[in-house]
Amino acid sequence: MSELPLRAQLASVLGRSAASLSRATGRGDGSVIGGKVALKVEPDLLAKLARGRRLALISATNGKTTTTRLIAQALREFGDVATNEHGANMPTGHITALSDNRSAVNGVLEVDEKYLPQVLLATQPSFVVLMNLSRDQMDRASEINLLAKKWRTALGKSNAHVIANADDPLVAWAGLGAPNATWVSAGQRWKEDSWCCPECGGHLRRETDPYWECPECGLARPRTSWAVENETDTLVTPEGQRIKLRLNLPGDANRANAAIAAATAAGYGIHPERTVERLREITSVAGRYTSVVTMGVEVRLLLSKNPAGWLESFAVLDPPRTPVILAVNAQIPDGKDTSWLWDVDYTVLRDRRVFVMGERRTDLALRLETDGVRFEIADRVDEVLGRLKAEQPDITKVDLIANYTAFQQIRTAYGRVQ
């Protein structure tokens, strides 16, 4: 990589210093403040830091933090990787990630959906990874069809190789704007945001999942070269090789993330068998899927921040005898509009003991009541465990699903579990 100009070097040093001070004073991990300080000194710093690297940008509504971690894990086969794998996914976080590892030729950056066109233009990446688009934080982000259109336009002006989920019509339409693409059949459990054709507005035909097509304009699912078979826990490569995944991350969503990661790593020259071996080493991502033991009970932490995410979390819950805690806030990072709760089908929880927590627990309680789900209100996790232990002294496990800031509050209470 070429040496940074003097101004950019100064900006990078000041940014790292601000980040270190933030961590030392306990104000945060420094990812955002470091980038903000650096940008004040050199507004074009992101482009300068990206020059000479082989970058992959990862964007989606759900799963981008996990997939970023998986791809970075695979690329460590070659040595250090510059990455923001803990989720600071706007340009300030990208600057911090690239400044922190100036010697790394390879980089993997999670990118907020709204910022993808901007970061794509600045960094000129080798790969752009797209997985899914669904409604999320409607009071902050754009409507998803508009996001897909912006993605498509930006990709049409880029030389990046796109690796995308062909089963999501919005993602596929955006990716079809790119000159080069690798298509993965990664699945799409949540389909409520993709019944209409993004090209012409016609009603999509879905006679046999995962295939879809528009009878009006002819837009159709691209031909895939990679696939994940959830029923057999198998990754299928372009050569027809079938590799058992056996991940330590649960659920179909993480099989999809792993398939996308394997296809991306192959673009860097890593054999999928070796990639899968490295992916099996990961047991949690920034606290997601971590289990902590408190009061003698194992509490498994699941992050879900929108209807599609909650659907995936419900799919990996332990058997019905396991109680579940649901926690919802509505702070700025969550989106202040909680109307999305009405898009989730909670009837799957009717046979469980359910506890409701968080700043907007009454919103969630009303929604559960409408779906006929019995629930109990609580303030803290230890309060829930105290009630359960008093009635069931032998209880050993509880699942906890929380949206973003509720999850971070709970994670912090347990010492920022990894």
Protein backbone atom coordinates (compact mmCIF):
# COMPACT_ATOMS: atom_id res chain seq x y z
CA MET A 1 0.00 0.00 0.00
CA SER A 2 1.16 3.51 -0.72
CA GLU A 3 2.21 5.81 2.10
CA LEU A 4 -0.50 8.14 3.38
CA PRO A 5 -0.06 11.88 2.70
CA LEU A 6 1.06 13.86 5.75
CA ARG A 7 -2.39 15.34 6.42
CA ALA A 8 -3.99 11.90 6.28
CA GLN A 9 -1.30 10.50 8.59
CA LEU A 10 -2.05 13.24 11.13
CA ALA A 11 -5.78 12.60 10.86
CA SER A 12 -5.27 8.87 11.38
CA VAL A 13 -3.05 9.41 14.46
CA LEU A 14 -5.48 11.88 16.04
CA GLY A 15 -8.39 9.55 15.37
CA ARG A 16 -6.64 6.61 17.00
CA SER A 17 -5.73 8.79 19.98
CA ALA A 18 -9.36 9.88 20.41
CA ALA A 19 -10.49 6.26 20.20
CA SER A 20 -7.94 5.17 22.81
CA LEU A 21 -9.03 7.97 25.14
CA SER A 22 -12.67 6.97 24.74
CA ARG A 23 -11.84 3.38 25.69
CA ALA A 24 -9.63 4.44 28.61
CA THR A 25 -12.38 6.62 30.09
CA GLY A 26 -15.05 3.96 29.63
CA ARG A 27 -17.13 6.05 27.21
CA GLY A 28 -17.23 3.38 24.51
CA ASP A 29 -15.02 1.36 22.17
CA GLY A 30 -13.88 4.51 20.36
CA SER A 31 -14.91 3.39 16.87
CA VAL A 32 -17.20 6.34 16.19
CA ILE A 33 -15.40 9.19 17.96
CA GLY A 34 -12.07 8.18 16.43
CA GLY A 35 -13.53 8.40 12.94
CA LYS A 36 -15.25 11.72 13.64
CA VAL A 37 -12.03 13.33 14.83
CA ALA A 38 -10.09 11.97 11.85
CA LEU A 39 -12.67 13.25 9.36
CA LYS A 40 -12.44 16.77 10.80
CA VAL A 41 -8.77 16.83 9.86
CA GLU A 42 -9.02 15.01 6.49
CA PRO A 43 -12.51 14.72 4.94
CA ASP A 44 -11.21 12.36 2.21
CA LEU A 45 -9.51 10.02 4.69
CA LEU A 46 -11.69 6.96 3.97
CA ALA A 47 -10.68 6.91 0.31
CA LYS A 48 -7.02 7.36 1.19
CA LEU A 49 -7.07 4.57 3.79
CA ALA A 50 -8.81 2.19 1.38
CA ARG A 51 -6.32 2.69 -1.45
CA GLY A 52 -4.25 -0.40 -2.28
CA ARG A 53 -6.39 -2.84 -0.26
CA ARG A 54 -8.67 -5.71 -1.29
CA LEU A 55 -11.87 -4.74 0.49
CA ALA A 56 -15.20 -6.50 0.83
CA LEU A 57 -18.23 -4.41 1.84
CA ILE A 58 -21.03 -6.29 3.58
CA SER A 59 -24.57 -4.88 3.68
CA ALA A 60 -28.02 -6.21 4.55
CA THR A 61 -30.89 -5.53 6.91
CA ASN A 62 -30.12 -8.59 9.04
CA GLY A 63 -26.96 -10.64 9.52
CA LYS A 64 -24.34 -8.18 8.32
CA THR A 65 -22.39 -8.12 11.61
CA THR A 66 -22.29 -11.90 11.74
CA THR A 67 -21.36 -12.27 8.07
CA THR A 68 -18.64 -9.65 8.42
CA ARG A 69 -17.19 -11.66 11.29
CA LEU A 70 -17.40 -14.90 9.30
CA ILE A 71 -15.67 -13.46 6.23
CA ALA A 72 -12.96 -11.83 8.35
CA GLN A 73 -12.40 -15.15 10.10
CA ALA A 74 -11.93 -16.88 6.75
CA LEU A 75 -9.56 -14.22 5.41
CA ARG A 76 -7.29 -14.47 8.44
CA GLU A 77 -5.94 -17.47 6.56
CA PHE A 78 -3.79 -14.82 4.83
CA GLY A 79 -2.91 -12.80 7.95
CA ASP A 80 -4.28 -9.61 9.50
CA VAL A 81 -7.65 -8.29 8.34
CA ALA A 82 -8.83 -4.70 8.77
CA THR A 83 -12.43 -4.98 9.92
CA ASN A 84 -15.21 -3.39 11.97
CA GLU A 85 -16.62 -6.76 12.97
CA HIS A 86 -18.23 -5.37 16.14
CA GLY A 87 -20.70 -3.25 14.22
CA ALA A 88 -19.56 0.39 13.82
CA ASN A 89 -20.90 0.36 10.27
CA MET A 90 -20.89 3.99 9.11
CA PRO A 91 -17.91 5.86 7.57
CA THR A 92 -16.59 6.93 10.97
CA GLY A 93 -16.35 3.27 11.99
CA HIS A 94 -14.76 2.30 8.67
CA ILE A 95 -12.06 4.94 9.14
CA THR A 96 -11.30 3.63 12.61
CA ALA A 97 -11.12 0.03 11.37
CA LEU A 98 -8.75 0.87 8.52
CA SER A 99 -6.63 3.22 10.66
CA ASP A 100 -6.25 0.60 13.37
CA ASN A 101 -4.70 -1.89 10.94
CA ARG A 102 -2.74 0.03 8.33
CA SER A 103 -0.64 -3.00 7.35
CA ALA A 104 -3.58 -5.27 6.45
CA VAL A 105 -3.99 -5.70 2.70
CA ASN A 106 -7.37 -7.41 3.11
CA GLY A 107 -10.33 -5.69 4.72
CA VAL A 108 -13.93 -6.61 5.51
CA LEU A 109 -16.29 -3.74 6.34
CA GLU A 110 -19.88 -3.99 7.52
CA VAL A 111 -21.81 -1.11 5.92
CA ASP A 112 -25.14 0.36 6.98
CA GLU A 113 -27.62 -0.08 4.12
CA LYS A 114 -28.17 3.66 3.69
CA TYR A 115 -24.42 4.38 3.46
CA LEU A 116 -23.50 1.64 0.97
CA PRO A 117 -23.48 3.84 -2.17
CA GLN A 118 -21.32 6.46 -0.44
CA VAL A 119 -18.82 3.94 0.95
CA LEU A 120 -18.74 2.04 -2.34
CA LEU A 121 -17.73 5.20 -4.18
CA ALA A 122 -15.09 6.14 -1.59
CA THR A 123 -13.41 2.75 -1.13
CA GLN A 124 -13.61 1.12 -4.59
CA PRO A 125 -13.88 -2.38 -3.06
CA SER A 126 -13.09 -5.68 -4.74
CA PHE A 127 -16.31 -7.28 -3.49
CA VAL A 128 -19.76 -6.13 -2.38
CA VAL A 129 -21.80 -8.67 -0.42
CA LEU A 130 -25.60 -8.29 -0.31
CA MET A 131 -27.85 -10.63 1.67
CA ASN A 132 -31.36 -9.31 2.38
CA LEU A 133 -33.54 -6.22 2.54
CA SER A 134 -36.59 -5.85 4.77
CA ARG A 135 -38.35 -3.09 6.69
CA ASP A 136 -36.26 -1.73 9.55
CA GLN A 137 -36.17 1.61 11.43
CA MET A 138 -38.60 3.28 9.04
CA ASP A 139 -38.26 6.60 10.89
CA ARG A 140 -34.50 6.66 10.11
CA ALA A 141 -33.78 4.60 7.01
CA SER A 142 -35.23 4.91 3.53
CA GLU A 143 -38.09 2.78 2.27
CA ILE A 144 -36.45 -0.47 1.17
CA ASN A 145 -37.43 -0.26 -2.51
CA LEU A 146 -35.70 3.11 -2.64
CA LEU A 147 -32.65 1.62 -0.94
CA ALA A 148 -32.54 -1.19 -3.49
CA LYS A 149 -32.73 1.35 -6.33
CA LYS A 150 -29.82 3.33 -4.86
CA TRP A 151 -27.81 0.12 -4.49
CA ARG A 152 -28.52 -0.84 -8.10
CA THR A 153 -27.48 2.57 -9.42
CA ALA A 154 -24.26 2.64 -7.39
CA LEU A 155 -23.29 -0.90 -8.38
CA GLY A 156 -23.81 -0.07 -12.04
CA LYS A 157 -21.03 2.52 -11.75
CA SER A 158 -18.63 0.22 -9.88
CA ASN A 159 -16.18 -2.49 -10.93
CA ALA A 160 -16.77 -4.42 -7.71
CA HIS A 161 -17.73 -8.09 -7.96
CA VAL A 162 -21.09 -8.60 -6.27
CA ILE A 163 -21.85 -11.68 -4.18
CA ALA A 164 -25.57 -11.73 -3.48
CA ASN A 165 -28.52 -13.76 -2.25
CA ALA A 166 -30.58 -14.62 -5.34
CA ASP A 167 -33.55 -15.72 -3.21
CA ASP A 168 -34.36 -12.16 -2.10
CA PRO A 169 -35.94 -10.33 -5.09
CA LEU A 170 -34.93 -6.86 -3.89
CA VAL A 171 -31.32 -7.90 -3.37
CA ALA A 172 -31.23 -9.75 -6.69
CA TRP A 173 -32.63 -6.75 -8.57
CA ALA A 174 -30.03 -4.48 -6.98
CA GLY A 175 -27.22 -6.93 -7.72
CA LEU A 176 -28.29 -7.31 -11.34
CA GLY A 177 -27.14 -3.73 -11.84
CA ALA A 178 -23.52 -4.82 -11.34
CA PRO A 179 -21.30 -5.90 -14.24
CA ASN A 180 -20.12 -9.03 -12.38
CA ALA A 181 -22.00 -11.13 -9.83
CA THR A 182 -21.89 -14.47 -8.06
CA TRP A 183 -25.32 -15.71 -6.98
CA VAL A 184 -25.99 -17.72 -3.82
CA SER A 185 -29.19 -19.54 -2.94
CA ALA A 186 -29.17 -18.52 0.71
CA GLY A 187 -32.91 -18.63 1.42
CA GLN A 188 -35.48 -16.06 2.48
CA ARG A 189 -37.75 -16.96 5.39
CA TRP A 190 -39.32 -13.47 5.62
CA LYS A 191 -41.10 -12.66 2.35
CA GLU A 192 -43.58 -9.99 3.42
CA ASP A 193 -41.48 -7.19 1.90
CA SER A 194 -40.94 -8.78 -1.50
CA TRP A 195 -44.23 -9.75 -3.09
CA CYS A 196 -44.04 -6.99 -5.71
CA CYS A 197 -41.57 -6.79 -8.58
CA PRO A 198 -38.93 -4.10 -7.92
CA GLU A 199 -38.63 -3.50 -11.66
CA CYS A 200 -42.25 -2.94 -12.71
CA GLY A 201 -44.40 -3.27 -9.57
CA GLY A 202 -46.17 -6.42 -10.77
CA HIS A 203 -47.04 -9.27 -8.41
CA LEU A 204 -44.21 -11.80 -8.14
CA ARG A 205 -45.00 -15.45 -8.78
CA ARG A 206 -43.58 -17.87 -6.18
CA GLU A 207 -44.88 -21.29 -7.14
CA THR A 208 -41.86 -23.27 -5.88
CA ASP A 209 -39.63 -21.78 -3.20
CA PRO A 210 -36.98 -20.39 -3.61
CA TYR A 211 -37.77 -19.56 -7.25
CA TRP A 212 -39.56 -16.34 -8.10
CA GLU A 213 -40.37 -14.44 -11.26
CA CYS A 214 -42.42 -11.51 -12.50
CA PRO A 215 -44.94 -12.52 -15.19
CA GLU A 216 -45.30 -8.87 -16.21
CA CYS A 217 -41.74 -7.83 -17.09
CA GLY A 218 -39.81 -11.12 -16.97
CA LEU A 219 -37.52 -10.29 -14.04
CA ALA A 220 -36.59 -13.62 -12.49
CA ARG A 221 -34.34 -15.18 -9.90
CA PRO A 222 -30.77 -15.36 -11.25
CA ARG A 223 -29.16 -18.74 -11.80
CA THR A 224 -27.17 -19.63 -8.67
CA SER A 225 -23.75 -21.25 -8.38
CA TRP A 226 -23.67 -21.66 -4.58
CA ALA A 227 -26.42 -23.00 -2.33
CA VAL A 228 -27.16 -23.92 1.25
CA GLU A 229 -29.41 -26.88 2.05
CA ASN A 230 -30.85 -26.28 5.50
CA GLU A 231 -32.46 -29.71 5.80
CA THR A 232 -29.10 -31.47 5.41
CA ASP A 233 -26.90 -28.72 6.89
CA THR A 234 -24.92 -28.70 3.64
CA LEU A 235 -23.07 -26.12 1.55
CA VAL A 236 -23.10 -26.85 -2.19
CA THR A 237 -20.24 -25.29 -4.18
CA PRO A 238 -20.17 -24.32 -7.88
CA GLU A 239 -18.28 -27.56 -8.59
CA GLY A 240 -21.03 -29.61 -6.96
CA GLN A 241 -19.02 -30.42 -3.84
CA ARG A 242 -21.21 -30.94 -0.78
CA ILE A 243 -19.70 -29.78 2.52
CA LYS A 244 -21.32 -30.34 5.90
CA LEU A 245 -21.42 -27.03 7.77
CA ARG A 246 -21.78 -28.12 11.43
CA LEU A 247 -21.56 -24.52 12.64
CA ASN A 248 -21.56 -23.47 16.27
CA LEU A 249 -23.93 -20.60 15.43
CA PRO A 250 -27.59 -21.67 15.39
CA GLY A 251 -30.30 -21.60 12.74
CA ASP A 252 -30.95 -21.34 9.04
CA ALA A 253 -29.99 -17.66 8.99
CA ASN A 254 -26.44 -18.49 10.04
CA ARG A 255 -26.20 -21.26 7.45
CA ALA A 256 -27.12 -18.59 4.90
CA ASN A 257 -24.48 -16.26 6.34
CA ALA A 258 -21.89 -19.04 6.12
CA ALA A 259 -22.74 -19.79 2.47
CA ILE A 260 -22.33 -16.12 1.58
CA ALA A 261 -19.04 -16.04 3.52
CA ALA A 262 -17.73 -19.12 1.72
CA ALA A 263 -18.57 -17.64 -1.69
CA THR A 264 -16.79 -14.41 -0.75
CA ALA A 265 -13.73 -16.19 0.62
CA ALA A 266 -13.54 -18.20 -2.61
CA GLY A 267 -13.22 -14.88 -4.46
CA TYR A 268 -10.08 -14.29 -2.40
CA GLY A 269 -8.81 -17.76 -3.32
CA ILE A 270 -9.68 -19.75 -0.18
CA HIS A 271 -11.06 -23.25 -0.70
CA PRO A 272 -14.58 -23.65 0.78
CA GLU A 273 -13.57 -26.65 2.89
CA ARG A 274 -10.93 -24.54 4.62
CA THR A 275 -13.39 -21.66 5.00
CA VAL A 276 -15.97 -23.89 6.69
CA GLU A 277 -13.31 -25.24 9.06
CA ARG A 278 -12.52 -21.69 10.16
CA LEU A 279 -16.20 -20.73 10.48
CA ARG A 280 -16.82 -23.58 12.92
CA GLU A 281 -14.46 -21.86 15.37
CA ILE A 282 -16.94 -19.02 15.95
CA THR A 283 -19.43 -19.48 18.79
CA SER A 284 -20.76 -15.93 19.21
CA VAL A 285 -20.61 -12.55 17.48
CA ALA A 286 -20.54 -9.35 19.57
CA GLY A 287 -22.58 -11.10 22.25
CA ARG A 288 -25.10 -12.63 19.84
CA TYR A 289 -25.84 -16.29 20.63
CA THR A 290 -23.71 -16.10 23.78
CA SER A 291 -24.94 -17.96 26.83
CA VAL A 292 -24.21 -16.55 30.29
CA VAL A 293 -24.87 -18.36 33.53
CA THR A 294 -26.43 -16.37 36.35
CA MET A 295 -28.21 -17.63 39.46
CA GLY A 296 -27.43 -21.11 38.18
CA VAL A 297 -29.44 -20.57 34.97
CA GLU A 298 -28.04 -20.41 31.44
CA VAL A 299 -29.39 -17.32 29.64
CA ARG A 300 -28.92 -17.36 25.87
CA LEU A 301 -28.80 -13.89 24.26
CA LEU A 302 -30.43 -13.39 20.85
CA LEU A 303 -30.45 -10.03 19.05
CA SER A 304 -33.48 -9.27 16.86
CA LYS A 305 -34.36 -5.75 15.74
CA ASN A 306 -37.12 -6.07 13.13
CA PRO A 307 -39.86 -8.50 12.00
CA ALA A 308 -37.54 -10.64 9.85
CA GLY A 309 -35.04 -10.91 12.69
CA TRP A 310 -37.64 -11.93 15.26
CA LEU A 311 -38.91 -14.62 12.90
CA GLU A 312 -35.39 -16.08 12.68
CA SER A 313 -34.97 -15.95 16.48
CA PHE A 314 -38.24 -17.78 17.04
CA ALA A 315 -36.93 -20.51 14.74
CA VAL A 316 -33.92 -21.23 17.00
CA LEU A 317 -35.67 -21.14 20.39
CA ASP A 318 -35.21 -24.15 22.62
CA PRO A 319 -38.18 -26.50 23.17
CA PRO A 320 -41.42 -24.97 24.56
CA ARG A 321 -40.58 -25.87 28.14
CA THR A 322 -37.82 -23.23 28.00
CA PRO A 323 -39.09 -19.80 29.14
CA VAL A 324 -38.39 -16.80 26.92
CA ILE A 325 -37.74 -13.16 27.81
CA LEU A 326 -38.59 -10.48 25.22
CA ALA A 327 -37.08 -7.00 25.63
CA VAL A 328 -37.90 -3.96 23.48
CA ASN A 329 -36.64 -0.37 23.57
CA ALA A 330 -37.31 2.44 21.10
CA GLN A 331 -34.24 4.66 21.30
CA ILE A 332 -32.64 6.34 18.28
CA PRO A 333 -30.50 3.30 17.28
CA ASP A 334 -33.63 1.11 17.44
CA GLY A 335 -35.95 3.50 15.65
CA LYS A 336 -38.59 5.23 17.77
CA ASP A 337 -41.52 3.73 15.84
CA THR A 338 -42.58 0.40 17.37
CA SER A 339 -45.41 -0.26 14.92
CA TRP A 340 -43.24 -3.02 13.41
CA LEU A 341 -44.18 -5.19 16.39
CA TRP A 342 -47.55 -5.73 14.69
CA ASP A 343 -45.84 -7.36 11.70
CA VAL A 344 -44.49 -10.21 13.85
CA ASP A 345 -46.49 -13.41 14.39
CA TYR A 346 -46.21 -14.20 18.10
CA THR A 347 -48.60 -17.14 18.11
CA VAL A 348 -45.59 -19.51 18.15
CA LEU A 349 -45.06 -18.42 21.79
CA ARG A 350 -48.49 -19.50 23.06
CA ASP A 351 -47.14 -22.70 24.66
CA ARG A 352 -44.27 -20.93 26.43
CA ARG A 353 -43.85 -18.95 29.58
CA VAL A 354 -43.12 -15.42 28.33
CA PHE A 355 -41.69 -12.43 30.18
CA VAL A 356 -41.70 -8.89 28.77
CA MET A 357 -39.08 -6.23 29.57
CA GLY A 358 -37.71 -2.98 28.18
CA GLU A 359 -38.70 0.65 27.85
CA ARG A 360 -41.53 -0.19 25.42
CA ARG A 361 -42.72 -3.34 27.13
CA THR A 362 -46.32 -2.12 27.20
CA ASP A 363 -46.32 -1.84 23.38
CA LEU A 364 -45.09 -5.42 23.17
CA ALA A 365 -47.51 -6.58 25.87
CA LEU A 366 -50.48 -5.25 23.90
CA ARG A 367 -49.25 -7.03 20.79
CA LEU A 368 -48.85 -10.33 22.67
CA GLU A 369 -52.31 -9.99 24.19
CA THR A 370 -53.78 -9.56 20.70
CA ASP A 371 -52.11 -12.80 19.59
CA GLY A 372 -53.36 -14.66 22.65
CA VAL A 373 -49.92 -15.05 24.24
CA ARG A 374 -49.87 -15.03 28.04
CA PHE A 375 -47.06 -12.93 29.48
CA GLU A 376 -45.61 -11.47 32.66
CA ILE A 377 -44.03 -8.03 33.06
CA ALA A 378 -40.55 -7.68 34.57
CA ASP A 379 -37.87 -5.01 35.03
CA ARG A 380 -34.67 -7.07 35.04
CA VAL A 381 -33.34 -10.47 34.04
CA ASP A 382 -32.48 -11.40 37.62
CA GLU A 383 -36.05 -10.61 38.65
CA VAL A 384 -37.30 -13.10 36.04
CA LEU A 385 -34.83 -15.73 37.17
CA GLY A 386 -35.80 -15.20 40.80
CA ARG A 387 -39.46 -15.88 39.99
CA LEU A 388 -38.62 -18.94 37.92
CA LYS A 389 -36.26 -20.40 40.54
CA ALA A 390 -38.86 -19.96 43.26
CA GLU A 391 -41.35 -22.03 41.27
CA GLN A 392 -38.97 -24.36 39.41
CA PRO A 393 -35.77 -24.85 41.45
CA ASP A 394 -34.39 -27.19 38.78
CA ILE A 395 -34.72 -24.75 35.86
CA THR A 396 -31.50 -24.62 33.84
CA LYS A 397 -32.11 -22.50 30.73
CA VAL A 398 -33.86 -19.34 29.49
CA ASP A 399 -33.83 -17.73 26.02
CA LEU A 400 -33.73 -13.94 25.76
CA ILE A 401 -34.63 -11.99 22.59
CA ALA A 402 -33.96 -8.25 22.60
CA ASN A 403 -33.79 -5.43 20.08
CA TYR A 404 -30.65 -3.35 19.69
CA THR A 405 -30.34 -1.03 22.70
CA ALA A 406 -32.16 -3.47 24.99
CA PHE A 407 -29.66 -6.14 23.93
CA GLN A 408 -26.71 -3.83 24.58
CA GLN A 409 -28.03 -2.90 28.03
CA ILE A 410 -28.37 -6.55 28.97
CA ARG A 411 -25.01 -7.42 27.45
CA THR A 412 -23.34 -4.59 29.41
CA ALA A 413 -24.94 -5.85 32.62
CA TYR A 414 -23.09 -9.12 32.03
CA GLY A 415 -19.75 -7.39 31.35
CA ARG A 416 -20.03 -6.90 27.53
CA VAL A 417 -19.99 -10.62 26.86
CA GLN A 418 -18.41 -11.56 23.52
